[in-house]
Protein backbone atom coordinates (compact mmCIF):
# COMPACT_ATOMS: atom_id res chain seq x y z
CA MET A 1 -35.59 54.52 26.58
CA THR A 2 -37.56 53.41 29.47
CA ARG A 3 -39.71 56.45 31.27
CA LEU A 4 -41.05 55.71 34.85
CA GLN A 5 -44.11 57.98 35.96
CA ARG A 6 -45.96 58.29 38.65
CA VAL A 7 -49.64 58.31 37.62
CA ALA A 8 -51.59 57.93 40.66
CA ASP A 9 -50.16 59.74 44.05
CA THR A 10 -52.16 57.42 46.04
CA GLN A 11 -50.58 56.40 49.43
CA HIS A 12 -52.12 52.95 49.60
CA ASP A 13 -51.33 50.52 52.56
CA THR A 14 -50.85 47.66 50.23
CA GLY A 15 -51.62 48.87 46.39
CA GLU A 16 -51.90 45.31 44.33
CA GLY A 17 -53.39 43.30 41.47
CA PRO A 18 -53.30 45.56 38.85
CA LEU A 19 -55.17 44.62 35.58
CA TRP A 20 -56.30 46.21 32.42
CA HIS A 21 -59.94 46.30 31.41
CA PRO A 22 -60.13 46.60 27.70
CA ASP A 23 -63.97 46.95 27.53
CA GLU A 24 -63.40 50.45 29.46
CA ASP A 25 -59.90 51.34 28.39
CA CYS A 26 -58.84 51.84 31.91
CA LEU A 27 -56.81 49.95 34.78
CA TYR A 28 -58.16 48.71 38.02
CA TRP A 29 -56.25 48.12 41.18
CA VAL A 30 -56.71 47.51 44.59
CA ASP A 31 -55.72 48.42 48.17
CA ILE A 32 -56.03 45.13 49.79
CA PRO A 33 -56.48 45.83 53.66
CA ALA A 34 -59.00 48.64 52.79
CA GLY A 35 -61.21 46.65 50.74
CA GLU A 36 -60.98 49.48 48.10
CA LEU A 37 -60.84 48.98 44.30
CA TYR A 38 -59.48 51.96 42.06
CA ARG A 39 -59.75 52.86 38.62
CA TYR A 40 -57.36 54.78 36.61
CA ASP A 41 -58.07 56.36 33.19
CA PRO A 42 -55.11 56.99 31.13
CA ASP A 43 -56.77 59.29 28.64
CA ALA A 44 -58.06 61.59 31.36
CA GLU A 45 -55.20 61.10 33.61
CA THR A 46 -57.64 60.59 36.66
CA HIS A 47 -58.24 58.00 39.08
CA ALA A 48 -60.92 57.22 41.40
CA LEU A 49 -61.95 55.08 44.05
CA ALA A 50 -64.69 52.62 42.01
CA TYR A 51 -65.91 50.52 44.73
CA GLU A 52 -65.39 49.86 48.65
CA THR A 53 -66.43 46.64 50.44
CA ASP A 54 -68.78 47.00 53.39
CA GLY A 55 -67.07 46.55 56.64
CA ASP A 56 -63.76 47.15 55.33
CA GLN A 57 -63.22 43.60 54.02
CA PRO A 58 -60.13 43.11 52.34
CA ILE A 59 -59.89 42.30 48.45
CA GLY A 60 -56.94 40.31 47.90
CA GLY A 61 -57.21 39.97 43.93
CA PHE A 62 -59.87 40.12 41.22
CA THR A 63 -60.49 38.71 37.51
CA ILE A 64 -62.28 40.12 34.93
CA GLN A 65 -65.35 38.03 33.85
CA ALA A 66 -66.18 37.44 30.08
CA ASP A 67 -69.26 39.87 30.71
CA GLY A 68 -67.07 42.61 31.95
CA SER A 69 -67.82 42.36 35.63
CA LEU A 70 -65.25 41.57 38.06
CA LEU A 71 -64.89 38.59 40.70
CA LEU A 72 -63.31 39.96 43.83
CA PHE A 73 -61.68 37.67 46.11
CA GLN A 74 -61.88 38.58 49.87
CA ASN A 75 -61.65 36.66 53.17
CA GLY A 76 -63.03 33.11 52.02
CA ARG A 77 -65.45 34.73 49.90
CA VAL A 78 -65.69 35.41 45.94
CA SER A 79 -68.31 38.23 44.85
CA ARG A 80 -69.23 39.58 41.66
CA TRP A 81 -69.28 43.43 41.03
CA GLN A 82 -70.58 45.07 38.02
CA PRO A 83 -68.60 48.27 37.45
CA GLY A 84 -70.67 51.44 38.25
CA SER A 85 -72.55 49.46 41.01
CA GLU A 86 -72.85 49.92 44.67
CA SER A 87 -72.60 46.40 45.93
CA ALA A 88 -71.36 43.04 45.06
CA THR A 89 -73.40 39.45 45.03
CA LEU A 90 -71.83 36.56 46.83
CA VAL A 91 -70.41 33.76 44.28
CA THR A 92 -69.44 31.42 46.36
CA GLU A 93 -67.11 30.66 49.56
CA VAL A 94 -63.84 29.00 50.14
CA ASP A 95 -63.29 26.91 53.21
CA ALA A 96 -59.89 29.24 53.80
CA ASP A 97 -58.83 30.51 57.41
CA THR A 98 -57.22 33.68 55.76
CA ARG A 99 -57.75 35.99 52.91
CA PHE A 100 -57.01 35.73 49.33
CA ASN A 101 -53.74 37.41 48.09
CA ASP A 102 -53.38 36.98 44.48
CA VAL A 103 -55.63 35.55 41.71
CA ILE A 104 -55.33 34.93 38.06
CA ALA A 105 -57.83 33.22 35.19
CA ASP A 106 -56.64 30.74 33.14
CA PRO A 107 -57.39 30.33 29.46
CA GLU A 108 -60.44 28.16 30.02
CA GLY A 109 -61.86 30.64 32.54
CA ARG A 110 -60.88 29.20 35.76
CA VAL A 111 -59.35 30.82 38.54
CA PHE A 112 -56.23 30.37 40.28
CA CYS A 113 -56.40 31.91 43.87
CA GLY A 114 -53.71 31.95 46.70
CA THR A 115 -54.25 32.38 50.34
CA MET A 116 -52.18 33.85 53.00
CA PRO A 117 -50.49 32.13 55.86
CA GLY A 118 -52.85 31.82 59.19
CA GLU A 119 -51.72 31.86 62.94
CA ASN A 120 -51.50 28.12 62.83
CA SER A 121 -51.13 26.93 59.11
CA LEU A 122 -49.40 28.33 55.63
CA GLY A 123 -51.73 29.06 52.99
CA ASP A 124 -52.87 27.27 49.95
CA LEU A 125 -53.42 27.78 46.12
CA TYR A 126 -56.79 26.95 44.97
CA ARG A 127 -58.53 26.47 41.64
CA LEU A 128 -62.06 27.87 41.37
CA ASP A 129 -63.46 25.97 38.46
CA VAL A 130 -66.18 27.37 35.99
CA ASP A 131 -69.09 25.46 37.92
CA ALA A 132 -67.78 27.44 41.18
CA THR A 133 -66.31 24.30 42.87
CA VAL A 134 -62.99 24.65 44.61
CA THR A 135 -59.83 22.44 44.37
CA THR A 136 -56.59 22.56 46.54
CA VAL A 137 -53.61 22.40 43.82
CA VAL A 138 -50.65 23.24 46.21
CA GLY A 139 -50.78 23.09 49.64
CA ASP A 140 -48.77 24.79 52.54
CA VAL A 141 -47.71 27.87 50.73
CA ASP A 142 -45.86 30.41 52.78
CA ILE A 143 -47.68 33.38 50.91
CA ALA A 144 -49.17 32.47 47.64
CA ASN A 145 -48.50 35.23 45.00
CA GLY A 146 -47.72 36.17 41.62
CA MET A 147 -48.71 33.88 39.00
CA GLY A 148 -48.43 33.62 34.99
CA PHE A 149 -48.64 31.40 31.86
CA THR A 150 -46.25 31.19 29.05
CA ALA A 151 -47.65 31.97 25.51
CA ASP A 152 -47.66 28.11 24.32
CA LEU A 153 -49.82 27.47 27.73
CA GLU A 154 -47.84 24.59 28.73
CA THR A 155 -46.07 26.32 31.63
CA PHE A 156 -47.65 27.71 34.67
CA TYR A 157 -45.52 30.21 37.15
CA PHE A 158 -46.23 30.58 40.51
CA THR A 159 -44.43 32.65 43.55
CA GLU A 160 -44.13 31.59 46.95
CA SER A 161 -42.95 34.60 48.38
CA GLU A 162 -41.52 33.66 51.87
CA ALA A 163 -39.64 31.29 50.23
CA HIS A 164 -38.19 33.34 47.96
CA ARG A 165 -39.08 31.26 44.80
CA ILE A 166 -40.86 31.51 41.56
CA TYR A 167 -41.62 27.99 40.61
CA ALA A 168 -42.76 26.68 37.07
CA PHE A 169 -45.23 24.08 36.65
CA ASP A 170 -46.41 21.88 33.72
CA TYR A 171 -49.95 23.16 32.84
CA ASP A 172 -52.81 20.97 31.41
CA ARG A 173 -54.99 23.51 29.78
CA GLU A 174 -57.81 20.53 29.58
CA THR A 175 -58.08 19.78 33.37
CA GLY A 176 -56.31 22.88 34.69
CA ALA A 177 -53.95 20.30 36.95
CA LEU A 178 -50.38 21.60 37.45
CA SER A 179 -47.59 18.90 37.95
CA ASN A 180 -43.80 18.72 37.69
CA ARG A 181 -43.17 21.57 40.13
CA ARG A 182 -39.62 22.94 39.80
CA THR A 183 -37.76 26.40 40.81
CA PHE A 184 -37.57 28.58 38.10
CA VAL A 185 -35.76 31.64 39.99
CA GLU A 186 -34.81 31.61 43.71
CA THR A 187 -33.56 35.10 45.30
CA PRO A 188 -31.36 36.05 47.69
CA ASP A 189 -32.77 36.46 51.34
CA ASP A 190 -31.15 39.73 51.73
CA ASP A 191 -32.51 40.97 47.89
CA GLY A 192 -36.25 41.98 48.71
CA VAL A 193 -38.98 39.28 48.09
CA PRO A 194 -40.55 38.09 44.90
CA ASP A 195 -43.99 39.37 44.73
CA GLY A 196 -46.54 39.82 42.04
CA LEU A 197 -45.41 38.89 38.40
CA THR A 198 -46.51 38.93 34.71
CA VAL A 199 -45.09 37.47 31.60
CA ASP A 200 -44.12 39.28 28.54
CA GLU A 201 -44.52 38.95 24.83
CA ASP A 202 -41.28 37.42 24.75
CA ASP A 203 -42.18 34.81 27.31
CA TYR A 204 -39.88 36.38 30.00
CA VAL A 205 -40.89 37.07 33.49
CA TRP A 206 -41.52 40.37 35.19
CA SER A 207 -41.41 40.15 39.28
CA ALA A 208 -42.13 42.97 41.34
CA ARG A 209 -39.76 42.82 44.50
CA TRP A 210 -41.35 43.65 47.77
CA ASN A 211 -38.65 45.25 49.96
CA GLY A 212 -36.55 45.72 46.76
CA GLY A 213 -37.42 48.83 45.38
CA ARG A 214 -37.95 47.47 41.66
CA ALA A 215 -39.16 44.96 39.08
CA VAL A 216 -36.67 42.54 37.64
CA ARG A 217 -36.93 40.89 34.23
CA TYR A 218 -35.90 37.46 33.96
CA ASP A 219 -35.26 35.55 30.64
CA ARG A 220 -36.59 31.96 29.75
CA SER A 221 -33.70 30.11 31.86
CA GLY A 222 -34.40 32.62 35.10
CA GLU A 223 -31.87 34.89 34.48
CA PRO A 224 -32.21 38.39 35.80
CA ILE A 225 -31.40 40.50 32.51
CA ALA A 226 -33.16 44.19 33.52
CA GLU A 227 -34.69 45.86 36.16
CA ILE A 228 -36.75 48.81 36.52
CA ALA A 229 -36.16 50.99 39.94
CA VAL A 230 -39.21 52.49 41.83
CA PRO A 231 -39.01 54.95 44.36
CA ALA A 232 -40.78 52.82 46.89
CA ARG A 233 -39.28 50.01 48.75
CA LYS A 234 -42.21 47.49 48.42
CA VAL A 235 -42.90 47.10 44.79
CA SER A 236 -46.04 44.76 45.03
CA SER A 237 -47.09 43.71 41.33
CA VAL A 238 -46.88 44.36 37.75
CA THR A 239 -49.05 44.12 34.71
CA PHE A 240 -48.78 45.06 30.88
CA ALA A 241 -51.77 47.55 29.95
CA GLY A 242 -52.99 50.08 27.63
CA PRO A 243 -54.64 49.58 24.29
CA GLU A 244 -51.52 48.08 22.78
CA TYR A 245 -50.35 46.30 26.27
CA ASP A 246 -47.03 48.16 25.67
CA ASP A 247 -47.17 50.06 29.20
CA LEU A 248 -46.02 48.37 32.38
CA TYR A 249 -47.99 49.34 35.43
CA LEU A 250 -46.52 48.84 38.80
CA THR A 251 -48.16 49.07 42.32
CA THR A 252 -46.53 49.77 45.33
CA ALA A 253 -47.29 49.75 49.23
CA LEU A 254 -46.92 52.07 52.34
CA GLU A 255 -47.94 49.47 54.69
CA GLY A 256 -48.27 51.53 57.86
CA GLY A 257 -44.98 53.13 57.20
CA ASP A 258 -44.22 56.62 56.27
CA ARG A 259 -42.83 57.96 52.69
CA GLU A 260 -39.38 58.96 54.51
CA GLU A 261 -38.66 55.11 55.53
CA GLU A 262 -40.62 53.52 52.54
CA GLY A 263 -39.63 55.91 49.75
CA ASP A 264 -41.08 59.05 48.00
CA GLY A 265 -43.57 57.08 45.91
CA ALA A 266 -44.64 54.16 48.39
CA GLY A 267 -48.25 53.37 47.95
CA ALA A 268 -48.48 55.33 44.56
CA LEU A 269 -49.61 53.69 41.00
CA PHE A 270 -46.79 53.78 38.35
CA ARG A 271 -46.43 53.40 34.68
CA ALA A 272 -43.20 52.57 32.54
CA THR A 273 -43.16 53.18 29.24
CA GLY A 274 -40.44 52.85 26.21
CA LEU A 275 -39.75 49.21 26.71
CA GLU A 276 -38.66 47.21 24.04
CA THR A 277 -41.31 44.37 24.77
CA GLY A 278 -45.06 44.30 25.81
CA GLY A 279 -47.44 41.98 26.73
CA SER A 280 -51.23 40.80 25.96
CA GLU A 281 -54.83 40.80 27.20
CA THR A 282 -55.14 38.84 30.46
CA PHE A 283 -57.47 35.68 30.41
CA ARG A 284 -60.86 36.38 31.63
CA SER A 285 -62.47 34.38 34.20
CA ARG A 286 -66.15 32.43 33.51
CA VAL A 287 -67.02 31.41 36.94
CA ARG A 288 -70.70 30.73 37.26
CA THR A 289 -72.13 33.39 39.32
CA GLU A 290 -75.96 32.08 39.64
C-alpha cells in the first residue's frame, strides 16, 4: 500500500528539482525564486539550507557532476557548487533572456536545460555539451519542463507545460540530437498543468501536476494508470530516491499564496513509499568546469 509522508514541512514559494545524491545518501532540491538549495537526510530525518545564491539569484535546476559537485542553472548562468562550500564558481553563460527552469543530464554527461518564456518571446530547450558549448535543440517552448529517458536510451521525454503536452523524441546518444517529435501525453486544460517528471523501472512516466494536486503515472502508450494525491495544489516535480531508488519524492509550491487556498502541504517536500515500482540513479553531468 502506498503511503505519503510529509518529510520536510517547508513552505517554499516554488519547491522544485529533487535529486538523490548517492555519494551523500541524501536528497537535494531547490526553492527556485529564493535561490536556495536544500538538503534532506532521510536517516536523520532532518533538512537544512545547504546553499543560497548571492542577491537571491534563482536556481531553476541542477545536476550532479561526476565528481559529486552540483551544476546550478540560474539566470543564464551555470555555476559549479561543491557541497559544503559557501560559494559557487561560474562555468559558462547562456544567451537567454530568462531563467532556467528544468534540467537533466544525459548518459554522456551533457545537460538538457530549458528556459522560461520572457515578456516578448517563448523559452527554449538547450543542450549544454561536455565542452561547455551550448546548442538550441527545441525553440519557442511555452515553459520547458520535466524530462527523462527510457531504459533503452532511445526515447527522450520533454514537457511543454503551457501546451499541456509531454513529447517523445528519438534520442541519439552519440550526438545528443533529438528528432521525430510526437505527443506522448496531452492533458485537459482544466486538469492542471504537467510539470516535472521521472521515468520508473517499468518505463512508465510519472508526471507532477501543477494546479492538479497529484502525480500521475502513465504507461508506455501514454495512458494514465495510477496517481498519488498530494495535499498541495501545485505539485512541481518527482524523483525516485533512496539507496534502492524505491521511494518517490515530490516537491510542491506555495507561490505567494497561503495554505488555506493552496493546500495544507503547499511548499513542503513529500515522500511516497510502498510503491510497486522504483527508479534508478540519475545520469551525472560531465561538463568541463575549468
